[in-house]
Amino acid sequence: MGDSISEGIGIKRITENFRAAVVDDAIRVDDQTMVEMAHYLVREEGLLLGGSAALNVAGAARVARTLPAGSTVVTVFGDGGGRYLSRLYNPGWLLENGLVPKHRDLTFLESEA
């Protein structure tokens, strides 16, 4: 099991379909940033996404901040948030796990994980 609350994230092995992949870089996004992004996206954009999609958006946004103006960044929404209503979007669960969103804007992207 990995070190993230997002299912399928942080596995400690290389899967066969990824073994031959050429990777230029990797970005680590912590659970708090993922939660912040998921809640920001549902509140500001009306996008109810799952944890891995929120991680992708947070990573893409961090990359975008390092690129010249006018650059294009693309990511994939790998999951919807409907399956995560009892955890990722549950205030009680978030409180129990110390993951209550604290930001109303994107300032949480400024801190690197």
PDB file of N, CA and C in Angstrom:
ATOM      1  N   MET A   1       0.830  -1.176   0.000  1.00  0.00           N
ATOM      2  CA  MET A   1       0.000   0.000   0.000  1.00  0.00           C
ATOM      3  C   MET A   1       0.875   1.241   0.000  1.00  0.00           C
ATOM      4  N   GLY A   2       0.445   2.268  -0.698  1.00  0.00           N
ATOM      5  CA  GLY A   2       1.202   3.509  -0.793  1.00  0.00           C
ATOM      6  C   GLY A   2       0.968   4.401   0.404  1.00  0.00           C
ATOM      7  N   ASP A   3       1.457   5.625   0.282  1.00  0.00           N
ATOM      8  CA  ASP A   3       1.347   6.552   1.396  1.00  0.00           C
ATOM      9  C   ASP A   3       0.333   7.666   1.128  1.00  0.00           C
ATOM     10  N   SER A   4      -0.681   7.386   0.318  1.00  0.00           N
ATOM     11  CA  SER A   4      -1.702   8.369   0.003  1.00  0.00           C
ATOM     12  C   SER A   4      -3.087   7.803   0.294  1.00  0.00           C
ATOM     13  N   ILE A   5      -4.025   8.686   0.642  1.00  0.00           N
ATOM     14  CA  ILE A   5      -5.400   8.244   0.827  1.00  0.00           C
ATOM     15  C   ILE A   5      -6.093   8.018  -0.501  1.00  0.00           C
ATOM     16  N   SER A   6      -5.514   8.525  -1.589  1.00  0.00           N
ATOM     17  CA  SER A   6      -6.108   8.363  -2.910  1.00  0.00           C
ATOM     18  C   SER A   6      -5.829   6.950  -3.408  1.00  0.00           C
ATOM     19  N   GLU A   7      -6.870   6.225  -3.709  1.00  0.00           N
ATOM     20  CA  GLU A   7      -6.718   4.831  -4.113  1.00  0.00           C
ATOM     21  C   GLU A   7      -5.917   4.703  -5.402  1.00  0.00           C
ATOM     22  N   GLY A   8      -4.979   3.739  -5.407  1.00  0.00           N
ATOM     23  CA  GLY A   8      -4.167   3.487  -6.589  1.00  0.00           C
ATOM     24  C   GLY A   8      -2.988   4.426  -6.739  1.00  0.00           C
ATOM     25  N   ILE A   9      -2.771   5.283  -5.775  1.00  0.00           N
ATOM     26  CA  ILE A   9      -1.676   6.249  -5.835  1.00  0.00           C
ATOM     27  C   ILE A   9      -0.603   5.828  -4.840  1.00  0.00           C
ATOM     28  N   GLY A  10       0.641   5.926  -5.243  1.00  0.00           N
ATOM     29  CA  GLY A  10       1.730   5.682  -4.321  1.00  0.00           C
ATOM     30  C   GLY A  10       2.104   4.223  -4.152  1.00  0.00           C
ATOM     31  N   ILE A  11       1.755   3.384  -5.141  1.00  0.00           N
ATOM     32  CA  ILE A  11       2.167   1.986  -5.010  1.00  0.00           C
ATOM     33  C   ILE A  11       3.692   1.907  -5.028  1.00  0.00           C
ATOM     34  N   LYS A  12       4.217   0.945  -4.370  1.00  0.00           N
ATOM     35  CA  LYS A  12       5.656   0.839  -4.198  1.00  0.00           C
ATOM     36  C   LYS A  12       6.282  -0.182  -5.158  1.00  0.00           C
ATOM     37  N   ARG A  13       5.670  -0.320  -6.327  1.00  0.00           N
ATOM     38  CA  ARG A  13       6.229  -1.241  -7.326  1.00  0.00           C
ATOM     39  C   ARG A  13       6.008  -0.647  -8.713  1.00  0.00           C
ATOM     40  N   ILE A  14       6.773  -1.120  -9.675  1.00  0.00           N
ATOM     41  CA  ILE A  14       6.611  -0.689 -11.061  1.00  0.00           C
ATOM     42  C   ILE A  14       5.738  -1.717 -11.760  1.00  0.00           C
ATOM     43  N   THR A  15       4.614  -1.254 -12.283  1.00  0.00           N
ATOM     44  CA  THR A  15       3.712  -2.165 -12.986  1.00  0.00           C
ATOM     45  C   THR A  15       4.235  -2.447 -14.391  1.00  0.00           C
ATOM     46  N   GLU A  16       3.845  -3.572 -14.958  1.00  0.00           N
ATOM     47  CA  GLU A  16       4.344  -3.998 -16.263  1.00  0.00           C
ATOM     48  C   GLU A  16       4.062  -2.959 -17.353  1.00  0.00           C
ATOM     49  N   ASN A  17       2.890  -2.343 -17.318  1.00  0.00           N
ATOM     50  CA  ASN A  17       2.553  -1.372 -18.358  1.00  0.00           C
ATOM     51  C   ASN A  17       3.361  -0.076 -18.238  1.00  0.00           C
ATOM     52  N   PHE A  18       4.057   0.125 -17.138  1.00  0.00           N
ATOM     53  CA  PHE A  18       4.853   1.326 -16.933  1.00  0.00           C
ATOM     54  C   PHE A  18       6.356   1.045 -17.023  1.00  0.00           C
ATOM     55  N   ARG A  19       6.728  -0.223 -17.047  1.00  0.00           N
ATOM     56  CA  ARG A  19       8.135  -0.628 -16.976  1.00  0.00           C
ATOM     57  C   ARG A  19       9.000   0.019 -18.061  1.00  0.00           C
ATOM     58  N   ALA A  20       8.515   0.129 -19.274  1.00  0.00           N
ATOM     59  CA  ALA A  20       9.321   0.661 -20.378  1.00  0.00           C
ATOM     60  C   ALA A  20       9.075   2.149 -20.617  1.00  0.00           C
ATOM     61  N   ALA A  21       8.282   2.783 -19.783  1.00  0.00           N
ATOM     62  CA  ALA A  21       7.954   4.199 -19.982  1.00  0.00           C
ATOM     63  C   ALA A  21       9.193   5.077 -19.809  1.00  0.00           C
ATOM     64  N   VAL A  22       9.282   6.085 -20.631  1.00  0.00           N
ATOM     65  CA  VAL A  22      10.336   7.081 -20.517  1.00  0.00           C
ATOM     66  C   VAL A  22       9.741   8.266 -19.759  1.00  0.00           C
ATOM     67  N   VAL A  23      10.309   8.554 -18.606  1.00  0.00           N
ATOM     68  CA  VAL A  23       9.781   9.610 -17.747  1.00  0.00           C
ATOM     69  C   VAL A  23      10.821  10.722 -17.645  1.00  0.00           C
ATOM     70  N   ASP A  24      10.402  11.941 -17.950  1.00  0.00           N
ATOM     71  CA  ASP A  24      11.302  13.087 -17.850  1.00  0.00           C
ATOM     72  C   ASP A  24      11.384  13.621 -16.438  1.00  0.00           C
ATOM     73  N   ASP A  25      10.280  13.554 -15.723  1.00  0.00           N
ATOM     74  CA  ASP A  25      10.224  14.149 -14.393  1.00  0.00           C
ATOM     75  C   ASP A  25       9.029  13.570 -13.649  1.00  0.00           C
ATOM     76  N   ALA A  26       8.978  13.792 -12.374  1.00  0.00           N
ATOM     77  CA  ALA A  26       7.842  13.382 -11.554  1.00  0.00           C
ATOM     78  C   ALA A  26       7.585  14.464 -10.519  1.00  0.00           C
ATOM     79  N   ILE A  27       6.338  14.582 -10.123  1.00  0.00           N
ATOM     80  CA  ILE A  27       5.947  15.578  -9.135  1.00  0.00           C
ATOM     81  C   ILE A  27       5.225  14.849  -8.013  1.00  0.00           C
ATOM     82  N   ARG A  28       5.598  15.171  -6.806  1.00  0.00           N
ATOM     83  CA  ARG A  28       4.914  14.596  -5.650  1.00  0.00           C
ATOM     84  C   ARG A  28       3.874  15.605  -5.165  1.00  0.00           C
ATOM     85  N   VAL A  29       2.652  15.154  -5.018  1.00  0.00           N
ATOM     86  CA  VAL A  29       1.564  15.986  -4.505  1.00  0.00           C
ATOM     87  C   VAL A  29       1.030  15.295  -3.257  1.00  0.00           C
ATOM     88  N   ASP A  30       1.068  15.991  -2.135  1.00  0.00           N
ATOM     89  CA  ASP A  30       0.627  15.374  -0.885  1.00  0.00           C
ATOM     90  C   ASP A  30      -0.897  15.340  -0.790  1.00  0.00           C
ATOM     91  N   ASP A  31      -1.398  14.577   0.165  1.00  0.00           N
ATOM     92  CA  ASP A  31      -2.843  14.411   0.335  1.00  0.00           C
ATOM     93  C   ASP A  31      -3.558  15.733   0.614  1.00  0.00           C
ATOM     94  N   GLN A  32      -2.949  16.609   1.429  1.00  0.00           N
ATOM     95  CA  GLN A  32      -3.603  17.876   1.740  1.00  0.00           C
ATOM     96  C   GLN A  32      -3.808  18.713   0.472  1.00  0.00           C
ATOM     97  N   THR A  33      -2.802  18.745  -0.388  1.00  0.00           N
ATOM     98  CA  THR A  33      -2.914  19.483  -1.649  1.00  0.00           C
ATOM     99  C   THR A  33      -3.966  18.854  -2.538  1.00  0.00           C
ATOM    100  N   MET A  34      -4.029  17.540  -2.581  1.00  0.00           N
ATOM    101  CA  MET A  34      -5.043  16.848  -3.372  1.00  0.00           C
ATOM    102  C   MET A  34      -6.443  17.198  -2.888  1.00  0.00           C
ATOM    103  N   VAL A  35      -6.639  17.185  -1.561  1.00  0.00           N
ATOM    104  CA  VAL A  35      -7.941  17.525  -0.985  1.00  0.00           C
ATOM    105  C   VAL A  35      -8.283  18.981  -1.300  1.00  0.00           C
ATOM    106  N   GLU A  36      -7.311  19.865  -1.114  1.00  0.00           N
ATOM    107  CA  GLU A  36      -7.540  21.285  -1.419  1.00  0.00           C
ATOM    108  C   GLU A  36      -7.987  21.454  -2.872  1.00  0.00           C
ATOM    109  N   MET A  37      -7.293  20.781  -3.790  1.00  0.00           N
ATOM    110  CA  MET A  37      -7.623  20.925  -5.211  1.00  0.00           C
ATOM    111  C   MET A  37      -8.993  20.330  -5.515  1.00  0.00           C
ATOM    112  N   ALA A  38      -9.300  19.177  -4.969  1.00  0.00           N
ATOM    113  CA  ALA A  38     -10.606  18.560  -5.210  1.00  0.00           C
ATOM    114  C   ALA A  38     -11.729  19.498  -4.757  1.00  0.00           C
ATOM    115  N   HIS A  39     -11.579  20.087  -3.589  1.00  0.00           N
ATOM    116  CA  HIS A  39     -12.612  20.981  -3.063  1.00  0.00           C
ATOM    117  C   HIS A  39     -12.655  22.307  -3.826  1.00  0.00           C
ATOM    118  N   TYR A  40     -11.512  22.797  -4.247  1.00  0.00           N
ATOM    119  CA  TYR A  40     -11.473  24.006  -5.061  1.00  0.00           C
ATOM    120  C   TYR A  40     -12.214  23.771  -6.379  1.00  0.00           C
ATOM    121  N   LEU A  41     -11.935  22.646  -7.021  1.00  0.00           N
ATOM    122  CA  LEU A  41     -12.542  22.358  -8.326  1.00  0.00           C
ATOM    123  C   LEU A  41     -14.052  22.165  -8.240  1.00  0.00           C
ATOM    124  N   VAL A  42     -14.533  21.527  -7.188  1.00  0.00           N
ATOM    125  CA  VAL A  42     -15.981  21.354  -7.072  1.00  0.00           C
ATOM    126  C   VAL A  42     -16.650  22.692  -6.751  1.00  0.00           C
ATOM    127  N   ARG A  43     -16.008  23.494  -5.929  1.00  0.00           N
ATOM    128  CA  ARG A  43     -16.582  24.779  -5.511  1.00  0.00           C
ATOM    129  C   ARG A  43     -16.507  25.823  -6.625  1.00  0.00           C
ATOM    130  N   GLU A  44     -15.364  25.936  -7.295  1.00  0.00           N
ATOM    131  CA  GLU A  44     -15.144  27.012  -8.263  1.00  0.00           C
ATOM    132  C   GLU A  44     -15.456  26.633  -9.705  1.00  0.00           C
ATOM    133  N   GLU A  45     -15.322  25.348 -10.043  1.00  0.00           N
ATOM    134  CA  GLU A  45     -15.503  24.926 -11.434  1.00  0.00           C
ATOM    135  C   GLU A  45     -16.666  23.962 -11.622  1.00  0.00           C
ATOM    136  N   GLY A  46     -17.254  23.482 -10.531  1.00  0.00           N
ATOM    137  CA  GLY A  46     -18.350  22.527 -10.645  1.00  0.00           C
ATOM    138  C   GLY A  46     -17.901  21.150 -11.095  1.00  0.00           C
ATOM    139  N   LEU A  47     -16.638  20.822 -10.852  1.00  0.00           N
ATOM    140  CA  LEU A  47     -16.079  19.523 -11.244  1.00  0.00           C
ATOM    141  C   LEU A  47     -15.938  18.640 -10.008  1.00  0.00           C
ATOM    142  N   LEU A  48     -16.749  17.603  -9.921  1.00  0.00           N
ATOM    143  CA  LEU A  48     -16.673  16.659  -8.818  1.00  0.00           C
ATOM    144  C   LEU A  48     -15.735  15.537  -9.245  1.00  0.00           C
ATOM    145  N   LEU A  49     -14.478  15.643  -8.819  1.00  0.00           N
ATOM    146  CA  LEU A  49     -13.442  14.703  -9.246  1.00  0.00           C
ATOM    147  C   LEU A  49     -12.985  13.829  -8.095  1.00  0.00           C
ATOM    148  N   GLY A  50     -12.416  12.707  -8.443  1.00  0.00           N
ATOM    149  CA  GLY A  50     -11.811  11.826  -7.458  1.00  0.00           C
ATOM    150  C   GLY A  50     -10.401  12.277  -7.120  1.00  0.00           C
ATOM    151  N   GLY A  51      -9.784  11.564  -6.208  1.00  0.00           N
ATOM    152  CA  GLY A  51      -8.456  11.932  -5.727  1.00  0.00           C
ATOM    153  C   GLY A  51      -7.381  11.931  -6.788  1.00  0.00           C
ATOM    154  N   SER A  52      -7.335  10.915  -7.637  1.00  0.00           N
ATOM    155  CA  SER A  52      -6.263  10.876  -8.631  1.00  0.00           C
ATOM    156  C   SER A  52      -6.421  11.990  -9.653  1.00  0.00           C
ATOM    157  N   ALA A  53      -7.646  12.340 -10.020  1.00  0.00           N
ATOM    158  CA  ALA A  53      -7.855  13.458 -10.944  1.00  0.00           C
ATOM    159  C   ALA A  53      -7.425  14.769 -10.289  1.00  0.00           C
ATOM    160  N   ALA A  54      -7.754  14.958  -9.018  1.00  0.00           N
ATOM    161  CA  ALA A  54      -7.346  16.172  -8.308  1.00  0.00           C
ATOM    162  C   ALA A  54      -5.823  16.243  -8.189  1.00  0.00           C
ATOM    163  N   LEU A  55      -5.179  15.096  -7.972  1.00  0.00           N
ATOM    164  CA  LEU A  55      -3.711  15.058  -7.955  1.00  0.00           C
ATOM    165  C   LEU A  55      -3.149  15.488  -9.301  1.00  0.00           C
ATOM    166  N   ASN A  56      -3.735  14.991 -10.379  1.00  0.00           N
ATOM    167  CA  ASN A  56      -3.268  15.356 -11.720  1.00  0.00           C
ATOM    168  C   ASN A  56      -3.399  16.849 -11.964  1.00  0.00           C
ATOM    169  N   VAL A  57      -4.532  17.416 -11.563  1.00  0.00           N
ATOM    170  CA  VAL A  57      -4.742  18.850 -11.765  1.00  0.00           C
ATOM    171  C   VAL A  57      -3.748  19.658 -10.927  1.00  0.00           C
ATOM    172  N   ALA A  58      -3.531  19.265  -9.695  1.00  0.00           N
ATOM    173  CA  ALA A  58      -2.573  19.976  -8.843  1.00  0.00           C
ATOM    174  C   ALA A  58      -1.166  19.911  -9.443  1.00  0.00           C
ATOM    175  N   GLY A  59      -0.770  18.734  -9.909  1.00  0.00           N
ATOM    176  CA  GLY A  59       0.543  18.594 -10.543  1.00  0.00           C
ATOM    177  C   GLY A  59       0.645  19.429 -11.811  1.00  0.00           C
ATOM    178  N   ALA A  60      -0.398  19.395 -12.633  1.00  0.00           N
ATOM    179  CA  ALA A  60      -0.405  20.182 -13.870  1.00  0.00           C
ATOM    180  C   ALA A  60      -0.337  21.675 -13.563  1.00  0.00           C
ATOM    181  N   ALA A  61      -1.047  22.110 -12.523  1.00  0.00           N
ATOM    182  CA  ALA A  61      -1.030  23.525 -12.152  1.00  0.00           C
ATOM    183  C   ALA A  61       0.353  23.942 -11.658  1.00  0.00           C
ATOM    184  N   ARG A  62       1.009  23.072 -10.902  1.00  0.00           N
ATOM    185  CA  ARG A  62       2.368  23.397 -10.443  1.00  0.00           C
ATOM    186  C   ARG A  62       3.332  23.485 -11.619  1.00  0.00           C
ATOM    187  N   VAL A  63       3.210  22.568 -12.570  1.00  0.00           N
ATOM    188  CA  VAL A  63       4.063  22.625 -13.765  1.00  0.00           C
ATOM    189  C   VAL A  63       3.777  23.901 -14.546  1.00  0.00           C
ATOM    190  N   ALA A  64       2.501  24.219 -14.720  1.00  0.00           N
ATOM    191  CA  ALA A  64       2.117  25.403 -15.492  1.00  0.00           C
ATOM    192  C   ALA A  64       2.737  26.670 -14.927  1.00  0.00           C
ATOM    193  N   ARG A  65       2.871  26.739 -13.618  1.00  0.00           N
ATOM    194  CA  ARG A  65       3.439  27.934 -12.986  1.00  0.00           C
ATOM    195  C   ARG A  65       4.910  28.121 -13.327  1.00  0.00           C
ATOM    196  N   THR A  66       5.582  27.084 -13.815  1.00  0.00           N
ATOM    197  CA  THR A  66       7.001  27.176 -14.147  1.00  0.00           C
ATOM    198  C   THR A  66       7.234  27.450 -15.628  1.00  0.00           C
ATOM    199  N   LEU A  67       6.181  27.436 -16.422  1.00  0.00           N
ATOM    200  CA  LEU A  67       6.309  27.576 -17.873  1.00  0.00           C
ATOM    201  C   LEU A  67       6.060  29.016 -18.322  1.00  0.00           C
ATOM    202  N   PRO A  68       6.541  29.350 -19.512  1.00  0.00           N
ATOM    203  CA  PRO A  68       6.298  30.695 -20.044  1.00  0.00           C
ATOM    204  C   PRO A  68       4.808  30.948 -20.272  1.00  0.00           C
ATOM    205  N   ALA A  69       4.415  32.200 -20.215  1.00  0.00           N
ATOM    206  CA  ALA A  69       3.027  32.587 -20.496  1.00  0.00           C
ATOM    207  C   ALA A  69       2.630  32.060 -21.864  1.00  0.00           C
ATOM    208  N   GLY A  70       1.395  31.585 -21.974  1.00  0.00           N
ATOM    209  CA  GLY A  70       0.895  31.066 -23.244  1.00  0.00           C
ATOM    210  C   GLY A  70       1.165  29.594 -23.467  1.00  0.00           C
ATOM    211  N   SER A  71       1.879  28.946 -22.540  1.00  0.00           N
ATOM    212  CA  SER A  71       2.146  27.511 -22.664  1.00  0.00           C
ATOM    213  C   SER A  71       0.859  26.726 -22.458  1.00  0.00           C
ATOM    214  N   THR A  72       0.839  25.518 -22.958  1.00  0.00           N
ATOM    215  CA  THR A  72      -0.316  24.644 -22.801  1.00  0.00           C
ATOM    216  C   THR A  72       0.078  23.435 -21.959  1.00  0.00           C
ATOM    217  N   VAL A  73      -0.740  23.131 -20.972  1.00  0.00           N
ATOM    218  CA  VAL A  73      -0.543  21.954 -20.129  1.00  0.00           C
ATOM    219  C   VAL A  73      -1.815  21.131 -20.206  1.00  0.00           C
ATOM    220  N   VAL A  74      -1.664  19.826 -20.378  1.00  0.00           N
ATOM    221  CA  VAL A  74      -2.808  18.927 -20.492  1.00  0.00           C
ATOM    222  C   VAL A  74      -2.695  17.858 -19.419  1.00  0.00           C
ATOM    223  N   THR A  75      -3.823  17.498 -18.832  1.00  0.00           N
ATOM    224  CA  THR A  75      -3.851  16.387 -17.886  1.00  0.00           C
ATOM    225  C   THR A  75      -5.113  15.576 -18.125  1.00  0.00           C
ATOM    226  N   VAL A  76      -5.243  14.478 -17.421  1.00  0.00           N
ATOM    227  CA  VAL A  76      -6.377  13.565 -17.583  1.00  0.00           C
ATOM    228  C   VAL A  76      -7.137  13.482 -16.269  1.00  0.00           C
ATOM    229  N   PHE A  77      -8.464  13.545 -16.356  1.00  0.00           N
ATOM    230  CA  PHE A  77      -9.302  13.321 -15.184  1.00  0.00           C
ATOM    231  C   PHE A  77      -9.584  11.823 -15.135  1.00  0.00           C
ATOM    232  N   GLY A  78      -8.821  11.113 -14.319  1.00  0.00           N
ATOM    233  CA  GLY A  78      -8.915   9.665 -14.285  1.00  0.00           C
ATOM    234  C   GLY A  78     -10.086   9.117 -13.482  1.00  0.00           C
ATOM    235  N   ASP A  79     -10.742   9.949 -12.701  1.00  0.00           N
ATOM    236  CA  ASP A  79     -11.851   9.449 -11.898  1.00  0.00           C
ATOM    237  C   ASP A  79     -12.784  10.591 -11.502  1.00  0.00           C
ATOM    238  N   GLY A  80     -14.042  10.237 -11.351  1.00  0.00           N
ATOM    239  CA  GLY A  80     -15.038  11.179 -10.858  1.00  0.00           C
ATOM    240  C   GLY A  80     -15.123  11.075  -9.350  1.00  0.00           C
ATOM    241  N   GLY A  81     -15.776  12.036  -8.728  1.00  0.00           N
ATOM    242  CA  GLY A  81     -15.816  12.076  -7.269  1.00  0.00           C
ATOM    243  C   GLY A  81     -16.993  11.371  -6.626  1.00  0.00           C
ATOM    244  N   GLY A  82     -17.920  10.848  -7.424  1.00  0.00           N
ATOM    245  CA  GLY A  82     -19.102  10.212  -6.867  1.00  0.00           C
ATOM    246  C   GLY A  82     -18.802   9.063  -5.925  1.00  0.00           C
ATOM    247  N   ARG A  83     -17.741   8.330  -6.182  1.00  0.00           N
ATOM    248  CA  ARG A  83     -17.386   7.184  -5.325  1.00  0.00           C
ATOM    249  C   ARG A  83     -16.701   7.611  -4.027  1.00  0.00           C
ATOM    250  N   TYR A  84     -16.404   8.906  -3.899  1.00  0.00           N
ATOM    251  CA  TYR A  84     -15.616   9.379  -2.763  1.00  0.00           C
ATOM    252  C   TYR A  84     -16.400  10.302  -1.838  1.00  0.00           C
ATOM    253  N   LEU A  85     -17.713  10.282  -1.940  1.00  0.00           N
ATOM    254  CA  LEU A  85     -18.530  11.171  -1.124  1.00  0.00           C
ATOM    255  C   LEU A  85     -18.395  10.872   0.369  1.00  0.00           C
ATOM    256  N   SER A  86     -18.131   9.622   0.725  1.00  0.00           N
ATOM    257  CA  SER A  86     -18.032   9.258   2.147  1.00  0.00           C
ATOM    258  C   SER A  86     -16.647   9.542   2.733  1.00  0.00           C
ATOM    259  N   ARG A  87     -15.694   9.927   1.888  1.00  0.00           N
ATOM    260  CA  ARG A  87     -14.343  10.214   2.377  1.00  0.00           C
ATOM    261  C   ARG A  87     -13.869  11.590   1.914  1.00  0.00           C
ATOM    262  N   LEU A  88     -13.476  11.702   0.693  1.00  0.00           N
ATOM    263  CA  LEU A  88     -12.884  12.930   0.160  1.00  0.00           C
ATOM    264  C   LEU A  88     -13.800  14.144   0.300  1.00  0.00           C
ATOM    265  N   TYR A  89     -15.110  13.928   0.254  1.00  0.00           N
ATOM    266  CA  TYR A  89     -16.065  15.028   0.346  1.00  0.00           C
ATOM    267  C   TYR A  89     -16.905  14.965   1.627  1.00  0.00           C
ATOM    268  N   ASN A  90     -16.443  14.217   2.606  1.00  0.00           N
ATOM    269  CA  ASN A  90     -17.151  14.074   3.873  1.00  0.00           C
ATOM    270  C   ASN A  90     -16.431  14.892   4.948  1.00  0.00           C
ATOM    271  N   PRO A  91     -17.050  15.979   5.433  1.00  0.00           N
ATOM    272  CA  PRO A  91     -16.380  16.835   6.421  1.00  0.00           C
ATOM    273  C   PRO A  91     -15.912  16.087   7.670  1.00  0.00           C
ATOM    274  N   GLY A  92     -16.708  15.138   8.167  1.00  0.00           N
ATOM    275  CA  GLY A  92     -16.317  14.382   9.356  1.00  0.00           C
ATOM    276  C   GLY A  92     -15.088  13.535   9.109  1.00  0.00           C
ATOM    277  N   TRP A  93     -15.059  12.849   7.981  1.00  0.00           N
ATOM    278  CA  TRP A  93     -13.910  12.006   7.642  1.00  0.00           C
ATOM    279  C   TRP A  93     -12.667  12.862   7.456  1.00  0.00           C
ATOM    280  N   LEU A  94     -12.815  13.992   6.774  1.00  0.00           N
ATOM    281  CA  LEU A  94     -11.676  14.891   6.571  1.00  0.00           C
ATOM    282  C   LEU A  94     -11.138  15.392   7.905  1.00  0.00           C
ATOM    283  N   LEU A  95     -12.030  15.764   8.825  1.00  0.00           N
ATOM    284  CA  LEU A  95     -11.613  16.229  10.143  1.00  0.00           C
ATOM    285  C   LEU A  95     -10.870  15.137  10.903  1.00  0.00           C
ATOM    286  N   GLU A  96     -11.410  13.922  10.904  1.00  0.00           N
ATOM    287  CA  GLU A  96     -10.766  12.779  11.578  1.00  0.00           C
ATOM    288  C   GLU A  96      -9.362  12.523  11.056  1.00  0.00           C
ATOM    289  N   ASN A  97      -9.149  12.789   9.778  1.00  0.00           N
ATOM    290  CA  ASN A  97      -7.871  12.491   9.147  1.00  0.00           C
ATOM    291  C   ASN A  97      -6.976  13.714   8.978  1.00  0.00           C
ATOM    292  N   GLY A  98      -7.362  14.830   9.579  1.00  0.00           N
ATOM    293  CA  GLY A  98      -6.533  16.036   9.527  1.00  0.00           C
ATOM    294  C   GLY A  98      -6.378  16.608   8.132  1.00  0.00           C
ATOM    295  N   LEU A  99      -7.422  16.478   7.304  1.00  0.00           N
ATOM    296  CA  LEU A  99      -7.333  16.910   5.905  1.00  0.00           C
ATOM    297  C   LEU A  99      -8.401  17.934   5.519  1.00  0.00           C
ATOM    298  N   VAL A 100      -8.920  18.663   6.488  1.00  0.00           N
ATOM    299  CA  VAL A 100      -9.945  19.661   6.195  1.00  0.00           C
ATOM    300  C   VAL A 100      -9.342  20.739   5.291  1.00  0.00           C
ATOM    301  N   PRO A 101      -9.994  21.062   4.176  1.00  0.00           N
ATOM    302  CA  PRO A 101      -9.480  22.131   3.300  1.00  0.00           C
ATOM    303  C   PRO A 101      -9.413  23.455   4.047  1.00  0.00           C
ATOM    304  N   LYS A 102      -8.334  24.202   3.820  1.00  0.00           N
ATOM    305  CA  LYS A 102      -8.108  25.454   4.544  1.00  0.00           C
ATOM    306  C   LYS A 102      -8.126  26.675   3.628  1.00  0.00           C
ATOM    307  N   HIS A 103      -8.078  26.471   2.323  1.00  0.00           N
ATOM    308  CA  HIS A 103      -7.933  27.577   1.376  1.00  0.00           C
ATOM    309  C   HIS A 103      -9.181  27.769   0.523  1.00  0.00           C
ATOM    310  N   ARG A 104      -9.460  29.009   0.156  1.00  0.00           N
ATOM    311  CA  ARG A 104     -10.545  29.326  -0.765  1.00  0.00           C
ATOM    312  C   ARG A 104      -9.993  29.652  -2.150  1.00  0.00           C
ATOM    313  N   ASP A 105      -8.677  29.799  -2.254  1.00  0.00           N
ATOM    314  CA  ASP A 105      -8.044  30.128  -3.524  1.00  0.00           C
ATOM    315  C   ASP A 105      -6.953  29.095  -3.812  1.00  0.00           C
ATOM    316  N   LEU A 106      -6.076  29.381  -4.747  1.00  0.00           N
ATOM    317  CA  LEU A 106      -5.052  28.413  -5.145  1.00  0.00           C
ATOM    318  C   LEU A 106      -3.709  28.607  -4.439  1.00  0.00           C
ATOM    319  N   THR A 107      -3.680  29.329  -3.338  1.00  0.00           N
ATOM    320  CA  THR A 107      -2.412  29.552  -2.645  1.00  0.00           C
ATOM    321  C   THR A 107      -1.798  28.262  -2.108  1.00  0.00           C
ATOM    322  N   PHE A 108      -2.593  27.228  -1.953  1.00  0.00           N
ATOM    323  CA  PHE A 108      -2.043  25.947  -1.485  1.00  0.00           C
ATOM    324  C   PHE A 108      -1.065  25.356  -2.496  1.00  0.00           C
ATOM    325  N   LEU A 109      -1.096  25.808  -3.740  1.00  0.00           N
ATOM    326  CA  LEU A 109      -0.165  25.317  -4.747  1.00  0.00           C
ATOM    327  C   LEU A 109       1.240  25.854  -4.563  1.00  0.00           C
ATOM    328  N   GLU A 110       1.385  26.911  -3.787  1.00  0.00           N
ATOM    329  CA  GLU A 110       2.686  27.542  -3.595  1.00  0.00           C
ATOM    330  C   GLU A 110       3.635  26.686  -2.791  1.00  0.00           C
ATOM    331  N   SER A 111       3.118  25.847  -1.911  1.00  0.00           N
ATOM    332  CA  SER A 111       3.989  24.989  -1.105  1.00  0.00           C
ATOM    333  C   SER A 111       4.222  23.673  -1.841  1.00  0.00           C
ATOM    334  N   GLU A 112       5.456  23.302  -1.933  1.00  0.00           N
ATOM    335  CA  GLU A 112       5.811  22.024  -2.569  1.00  0.00           C
ATOM    336  C   GLU A 112       5.715  20.914  -1.544  1.00  0.00           C
ATOM    337  N   ALA A 113       5.308  19.760  -1.992  1.00  0.00           N
ATOM    338  CA  ALA A 113       5.205  18.608  -1.093  1.00  0.00           C
ATOM    339  C   ALA A 113       6.560  17.999  -0.837  1.00  0.00           C
TER     340      ALA A 113
END
